Amino acid sequence: MSNKKNKKLVIAYSGGLDTSYCAVSLSKKYDVHAVSVNTGGFTNKEIKNIESNAYKMGVSTYKNIDAVATFYNKVVKYLIFGNVLKNSTYPLSVSAERIIQAIEIIEYAKSIDAEYIAHGSTGAGNDQVRFDMIFQTLAPHIKIITPIRDGSLTRQEEIDYLKAEGVDMPWEKSKYSVNKGLWGTSVGGVETLKSEKPLPSEAYPSQLEKEGEEKVTLTFKNGEFIAFNGKENEPEINIEKLNNIASAYAIGRDIHVGDTIVGTKGRVGFEAAAAIITVKAHHLLEKHTLTKWQLQHKEYLSSFYGMHLHEGQYLDPVMRDTEAFLQSSQKMVSGNVVVSLKPYHFSLDGIISDHDLMSSAFSTYGEENKAWTAEDAKGFIKILGNQNKIYKQINS
């Protein structure tokens, strides 16, 4: 027993089959401390249930870390600043969460002087890369243990083992796997394993409850979502409030097709009403308040930021460099955006901002100019066309 107590191990525990198998099997050899990280989507009742099950698996202690505000401040804020939608579709709901979860778990492991850390990832997906990279970067002295990956275990093998150990719980896989968080909910099912079928409506956790149209107002200050319908609150709370209203219209459903870190193609369904609306509303405000060149350079830097985050490169210094650029770009991104919510979709009505560049007295697009003459315009166009004329002359 004393030998076991000297082998302190922290496990990233979700309460699902994989992490339950890890907890039971590793408890035979290690002093196991289970940790789950709430990045949104957990109720107090669900957290209590996870804790109760963790102790049934033989762990010594269980801790739930509330990281919703941390998740917003360290990641979501910059995804909004960058209008990040991977492959122009996916708001990086789950992949963004995993980064913060990994950081919080390894920091906890360090705080209790754990020698080992474990997670339940398989060898086929993205999460193994994200967890391992964060763990080995922040705590290279802590050994990583991954029973599911190392043993190439099937789901049935895990269930059989747990039953043999007296843990007989309803492990039968639900038809759809759902992972809910602040920035969206992923949905996987048999339809997403191949390329041709959509997810049925009933697969999504939020069903259509409202008809008609409802207008809402998102208020941004320096790029941050500071108020919803005129009421100021922390941005992460505004995101939750928006999601509660918009999900009743079944907004934000889609299927993302992308490249995994390990080189395969994958499909995943998602529901992210607040994330999609916030990104689109913020982008509209930027179109009115930023210069042409700010918008252009933000676009490719934001794409890189989303890709590096997705691939577990959050700790690379280039991410802090990009965040500094994104933060700087938001100085004039303040104002209200009016959005109309409707069944299954939404529309951006317009913006009101003191920094609206359309308010300029210089000209009205396509109608009149006040700051230059017709001769000025003709001279400008003549010089602007010089390179094309030179190229044509030389190469004709």
Foldseek 3Di string as FASTA:
>chain_A
DVQQAVQEEEEAFDQALLSLLVLQVCLVRHQYEYEYEALADDDPVNVVVSQVSSVVSPHPYYYYHYCNVVLCVQPVLLLLLLLDAAVVAHSCFPLSVLLVRLLVRLVVCVVVVHQEYEYRDAPPAQSVQQNVVNNCVVPVRRHYDHVCHVVVDDSVNSQVVCVVVVNHDPNPDDQWDWDDHLQWIKIDHPQFVDDDDDDDQVRDPFHAQDADKDKKKFWDALSARQDIRPHGDHRSVNLVVQCVVQSNLVEAWDKDWDAGLVGDIGIIIIRGRSNNVSSVQLVQLCVFQPDPVLVVVSNVLSNVLVVCSSNNNCPPVVNVVSSVSSSVRSNQSTWMWMKMHHRHYIDTDHIDGPRGPCPDPQAHPPPGGDPDDPVVVVVVVVVVCVVVVVVVVVPD
